Amino acid sequence: MSEQTIALVTGANKGIGYEIAAGLGALGLSVGVGARDEQRREDAVRKLRAAGVDAFGVPLDVTDDASVTAAARVIEERAGRLDVLVNNAGIAGVMPQDPTRVDPATIRTVVETNVIGVIRVTNAMLPLLRRSASPRIVNMSSSVGSLTRQAGTGAEQRTGPVAVAYAPSKTFLNAVTLQYVRELSGTNILINVGCPGYVATDLNGFHGVRTPEQGAAIAVELATLPDDGPNGKFFEDAGEVPW
């Protein structure tokens, strides 16, 4: 592209989100660091800039309409368009999440961030994405969002603990993504789902076996697909993930 590509990554102040921002920045993209915590956001931007990334802070709480509207305004004023949106912000919710004992409020809270938050941000950014020559949307899901893997009988298939809030929220996100794909068919917007694998972050108490940088790689790949790249697919490093 003759112009610098503009990206927004939600939940980018730490963990996988930070590494997605770093990975995109290393490729020359200008990256908006979306985060609700002001100090962590500023620290992340400072660290990214020190590494040579053209990073800028975007105050963003994906659960708040006014915050998301204001974030779109920041992008509008800075660049007038958006080329890449990575919906990475997510929460696990209070554990344990056995379905027979869970507090329904836990499910509502997780879905508000992991699903409704993605819809809220995507819809706010779509007018800006439509101005891009090659718009990309990446929704960060999880292997536990795959119904095929959740229903598997082999130890190699069944993934994650019983988590009636978190796991179904990612399945919900996958389904929502496909609805966007259907509505936006015929446009130049490519929308895909990324699975980072079991990454050591604060979301799982740092019990994961992959690094945040490894987990971010699939998002960076999907965010920079060529115009003839896949659309409406679910990917991890090893290839396509079964829905």
Protein backbone atom coordinates (compact mmCIF):
# COMPACT_ATOMS: atom_id res chain seq x y z
CA MET A 1 0.00 0.00 0.00
CA SER A 2 1.16 3.52 -0.69
CA GLU A 3 -0.36 4.69 2.59
CA GLN A 4 0.46 3.31 6.00
CA THR A 5 -1.96 0.62 7.08
CA ILE A 6 -3.98 1.53 10.17
CA ALA A 7 -4.90 -1.15 12.73
CA LEU A 8 -6.83 -1.25 15.97
CA VAL A 9 -6.28 -4.05 18.48
CA THR A 10 -8.64 -4.28 21.44
CA GLY A 11 -7.26 -5.45 24.79
CA ALA A 12 -3.80 -4.57 23.52
CA ASN A 13 -2.13 -3.37 26.69
CA LYS A 14 -0.87 -6.83 27.72
CA GLY A 15 -0.64 -10.52 26.84
CA ILE A 16 -1.69 -11.70 23.40
CA GLY A 17 -3.17 -8.34 22.47
CA TYR A 18 0.09 -6.54 23.13
CA GLU A 19 2.01 -9.06 21.03
CA ILE A 20 -0.52 -8.70 18.19
CA ALA A 21 0.10 -4.95 18.26
CA ALA A 22 3.86 -5.56 18.33
CA GLY A 23 3.67 -8.04 15.47
CA LEU A 24 1.60 -5.74 13.27
CA GLY A 25 3.83 -2.80 14.15
CA ALA A 26 6.92 -4.77 13.15
CA LEU A 27 5.37 -5.11 9.70
CA GLY A 28 5.05 -1.36 9.43
CA LEU A 29 1.43 -0.88 10.43
CA SER A 30 0.33 2.04 12.57
CA VAL A 31 -1.35 0.39 15.56
CA GLY A 32 -4.03 1.70 17.88
CA VAL A 33 -3.62 0.18 21.33
CA GLY A 34 -7.17 -0.24 22.55
CA ALA A 35 -7.42 -0.61 26.33
CA ARG A 36 -9.57 0.72 29.15
CA ASP A 37 -6.83 1.06 31.79
CA GLU A 38 -5.12 4.39 31.13
CA GLN A 39 -1.80 3.63 32.81
CA ARG A 40 -1.41 0.20 31.23
CA ARG A 41 -2.39 1.62 27.84
CA GLU A 42 0.17 4.42 28.08
CA ASP A 43 2.85 2.00 29.27
CA ALA A 44 2.14 -0.32 26.33
CA VAL A 45 2.29 2.52 23.82
CA ARG A 46 5.56 3.74 25.30
CA LYS A 47 7.08 0.25 25.14
CA LEU A 48 5.91 -0.31 21.56
CA ARG A 49 7.27 3.03 20.43
CA ALA A 50 10.60 2.22 22.05
CA ALA A 51 10.65 -0.90 19.87
CA GLY A 52 10.07 1.20 16.76
CA VAL A 53 6.32 0.67 16.40
CA ASP A 54 4.10 3.54 15.27
CA ALA A 55 1.68 3.02 18.17
CA PHE A 56 -1.01 5.29 19.56
CA GLY A 57 -3.37 4.89 22.47
CA VAL A 58 -7.10 4.41 22.05
CA PRO A 59 -9.16 4.61 25.27
CA LEU A 60 -11.58 1.73 24.86
CA ASP A 61 -13.97 -0.21 27.07
CA VAL A 62 -15.72 -2.68 24.78
CA THR A 63 -18.67 -2.95 27.18
CA ASP A 64 -19.47 0.78 27.03
CA ASP A 65 -21.29 2.38 24.09
CA ALA A 66 -19.90 5.87 24.69
CA SER A 67 -16.35 4.58 25.01
CA VAL A 68 -16.57 2.65 21.74
CA THR A 69 -18.08 5.63 19.93
CA ALA A 70 -15.26 7.82 21.22
CA ALA A 71 -12.69 5.24 20.09
CA ALA A 72 -14.07 5.34 16.55
CA ARG A 73 -13.72 9.11 16.67
CA VAL A 74 -10.05 8.77 17.65
CA ILE A 75 -9.40 6.59 14.59
CA GLU A 76 -11.43 8.92 12.37
CA GLU A 77 -9.49 11.98 13.45
CA ARG A 78 -6.12 10.26 13.18
CA ALA A 79 -6.47 8.45 9.86
CA GLY A 80 -9.95 8.85 8.40
CA ARG A 81 -10.23 5.11 7.90
CA LEU A 82 -9.36 1.75 9.47
CA ASP A 83 -7.70 -1.11 7.61
CA VAL A 84 -7.46 -3.79 10.30
CA LEU A 85 -9.61 -4.52 13.33
CA VAL A 86 -8.50 -7.23 15.74
CA ASN A 87 -11.17 -8.00 18.34
CA ASN A 88 -8.93 -9.47 21.01
CA ALA A 89 -10.35 -8.16 24.31
CA GLY A 90 -11.83 -10.97 26.37
CA ILE A 91 -12.36 -12.26 29.89
CA ALA A 92 -12.64 -15.73 31.40
CA GLY A 93 -15.07 -14.87 34.18
CA VAL A 94 -15.16 -16.11 37.75
CA MET A 95 -14.28 -19.79 38.12
CA PRO A 96 -15.37 -22.53 38.63
CA GLN A 97 -18.02 -22.54 35.92
CA ASP A 98 -19.75 -25.88 36.32
CA PRO A 99 -23.15 -25.46 34.63
CA THR A 100 -25.04 -26.86 37.62
CA ARG A 101 -23.53 -24.33 40.02
CA VAL A 102 -22.65 -21.23 38.03
CA ASP A 103 -24.09 -17.83 38.89
CA PRO A 104 -25.99 -16.67 35.77
CA ALA A 105 -24.48 -13.22 36.30
CA THR A 106 -21.09 -14.70 35.47
CA ILE A 107 -22.37 -15.82 32.08
CA ARG A 108 -23.88 -12.42 31.37
CA THR A 109 -20.64 -10.66 32.25
CA VAL A 110 -18.50 -12.90 30.03
CA VAL A 111 -20.87 -12.67 27.07
CA GLU A 112 -21.05 -8.88 27.44
CA THR A 113 -17.30 -8.62 26.84
CA ASN A 114 -16.53 -11.62 24.63
CA VAL A 115 -19.51 -11.40 22.29
CA ILE A 116 -21.53 -8.21 22.61
CA GLY A 117 -18.32 -6.22 22.98
CA VAL A 118 -17.11 -7.57 19.64
CA ILE A 119 -20.39 -6.65 17.98
CA ARG A 120 -20.33 -3.19 19.53
CA VAL A 121 -16.77 -2.45 18.40
CA THR A 122 -17.18 -3.99 14.95
CA ASN A 123 -20.31 -2.00 14.18
CA ALA A 124 -18.71 1.23 15.35
CA MET A 125 -15.63 0.63 13.18
CA LEU A 126 -17.37 -0.64 10.04
CA PRO A 127 -17.86 2.81 8.48
CA LEU A 128 -14.10 3.35 8.79
CA LEU A 129 -13.29 -0.15 7.52
CA ARG A 130 -15.45 0.41 4.46
CA ARG A 131 -13.10 3.24 3.47
CA SER A 132 -10.14 0.85 3.32
CA ALA A 133 -8.88 -0.71 0.12
CA SER A 134 -8.27 -4.04 1.90
CA PRO A 135 -10.19 -4.19 5.19
CA ARG A 136 -9.59 -7.09 7.56
CA ILE A 137 -11.41 -8.17 10.72
CA VAL A 138 -9.94 -10.81 13.03
CA ASN A 139 -11.95 -12.14 15.96
CA MET A 140 -9.84 -13.91 18.56
CA SER A 141 -11.55 -17.08 19.73
CA SER A 142 -10.23 -20.25 21.37
CA SER A 143 -10.01 -23.98 20.77
CA VAL A 144 -12.73 -24.32 23.43
CA GLY A 145 -15.04 -22.47 21.05
CA SER A 146 -14.98 -25.43 18.68
CA LEU A 147 -18.03 -27.62 19.25
CA THR A 148 -16.27 -30.42 17.41
CA ARG A 149 -13.42 -30.40 19.89
CA GLN A 150 -15.68 -29.92 22.90
CA ALA A 151 -17.69 -32.96 21.88
CA GLY A 152 -14.68 -35.10 21.04
CA THR A 153 -14.21 -38.39 22.83
CA GLY A 154 -10.44 -38.52 22.52
CA ALA A 155 -8.16 -36.77 24.98
CA GLU A 156 -6.49 -35.09 22.03
CA GLN A 157 -9.78 -33.47 21.04
CA ARG A 158 -11.57 -32.44 24.20
CA THR A 159 -10.03 -29.14 25.26
CA GLY A 160 -10.16 -26.95 28.33
CA PRO A 161 -11.98 -27.31 31.64
CA VAL A 162 -15.75 -27.29 32.08
CA ALA A 163 -16.50 -23.57 31.73
CA VAL A 164 -20.14 -22.81 30.94
CA ALA A 165 -19.49 -19.07 30.62
CA TYR A 166 -16.15 -18.85 28.82
CA ALA A 167 -16.23 -21.79 26.39
CA PRO A 168 -19.75 -21.13 25.03
CA SER A 169 -18.94 -17.42 24.74
CA LYS A 170 -16.27 -18.33 22.21
CA THR A 171 -18.66 -20.64 20.36
CA PHE A 172 -21.14 -17.74 20.34
CA LEU A 173 -18.41 -15.47 18.96
CA ASN A 174 -17.65 -17.96 16.19
CA ALA A 175 -21.33 -18.06 15.23
CA VAL A 176 -21.59 -14.27 15.30
CA THR A 177 -18.57 -14.05 13.00
CA LEU A 178 -20.28 -16.23 10.43
CA GLN A 179 -23.34 -13.96 10.51
CA TYR A 180 -21.11 -10.99 9.69
CA VAL A 181 -19.55 -12.99 6.87
CA ARG A 182 -23.00 -13.68 5.44
CA GLU A 183 -24.20 -10.08 5.72
CA LEU A 184 -20.99 -8.61 4.31
CA SER A 185 -20.60 -11.11 1.47
CA GLY A 186 -19.89 -9.32 -1.76
CA THR A 187 -17.79 -6.65 -0.03
CA ASN A 188 -14.00 -6.57 0.16
CA ILE A 189 -13.99 -7.14 3.94
CA LEU A 190 -12.31 -10.39 4.96
CA ILE A 191 -13.43 -11.66 8.37
CA ASN A 192 -11.81 -14.63 10.06
CA VAL A 193 -11.46 -16.20 13.49
CA GLY A 194 -8.10 -16.86 15.12
CA CYS A 195 -7.24 -19.44 17.78
CA PRO A 196 -4.06 -18.58 19.72
CA GLY A 197 -3.71 -21.94 21.44
CA TYR A 198 -3.14 -22.45 25.15
CA VAL A 199 -1.16 -19.33 25.94
CA ALA A 200 0.23 -18.41 29.35
CA THR A 201 -1.67 -15.23 30.27
CA ASP A 202 -3.43 -13.86 33.33
CA LEU A 203 -6.69 -15.16 31.86
CA ASN A 204 -5.63 -18.71 32.79
CA GLY A 205 -3.33 -17.92 35.69
CA PHE A 206 -0.31 -18.24 33.37
CA HIS A 207 -0.78 -22.01 33.11
CA GLY A 208 -0.62 -22.05 29.31
CA VAL A 209 2.17 -23.73 27.40
CA ARG A 210 2.57 -21.14 24.63
CA THR A 211 4.00 -17.64 24.80
CA PRO A 212 1.86 -14.58 24.04
CA GLU A 213 4.03 -13.96 20.99
CA GLN A 214 3.25 -17.45 19.69
CA GLY A 215 -0.44 -16.91 20.37
CA ALA A 216 -0.42 -13.61 18.50
CA ALA A 217 1.05 -15.05 15.30
CA ILE A 218 -2.25 -16.28 13.86
CA ALA A 219 -3.89 -12.88 14.36
CA VAL A 220 -1.03 -11.12 12.60
CA GLU A 221 -1.30 -13.57 9.72
CA LEU A 222 -5.08 -13.14 9.35
CA ALA A 223 -4.84 -9.37 9.70
CA THR A 224 -2.47 -9.17 6.73
CA LEU A 225 -4.10 -11.61 4.32
CA PRO A 226 -3.93 -10.84 0.61
CA ASP A 227 -7.11 -9.76 -1.15
CA ASP A 228 -7.73 -13.32 -2.37
CA GLY A 229 -7.24 -14.76 1.11
CA PRO A 230 -9.78 -16.90 3.00
CA ASN A 231 -12.97 -15.47 4.44
CA GLY A 232 -15.22 -16.84 7.17
CA LYS A 233 -12.76 -19.44 8.42
CA PHE A 234 -11.42 -20.52 11.84
CA PHE A 235 -7.64 -20.87 11.97
CA GLU A 236 -4.83 -21.83 14.32
CA ASP A 237 -1.13 -22.13 13.52
CA ALA A 238 -1.54 -25.70 12.27
CA GLY A 239 -4.32 -24.78 9.87
CA GLU A 240 -8.10 -24.65 9.86
CA VAL A 241 -9.97 -25.47 13.07
CA PRO A 242 -13.25 -27.42 12.87
CA TRP A 243 -16.24 -25.41 13.98
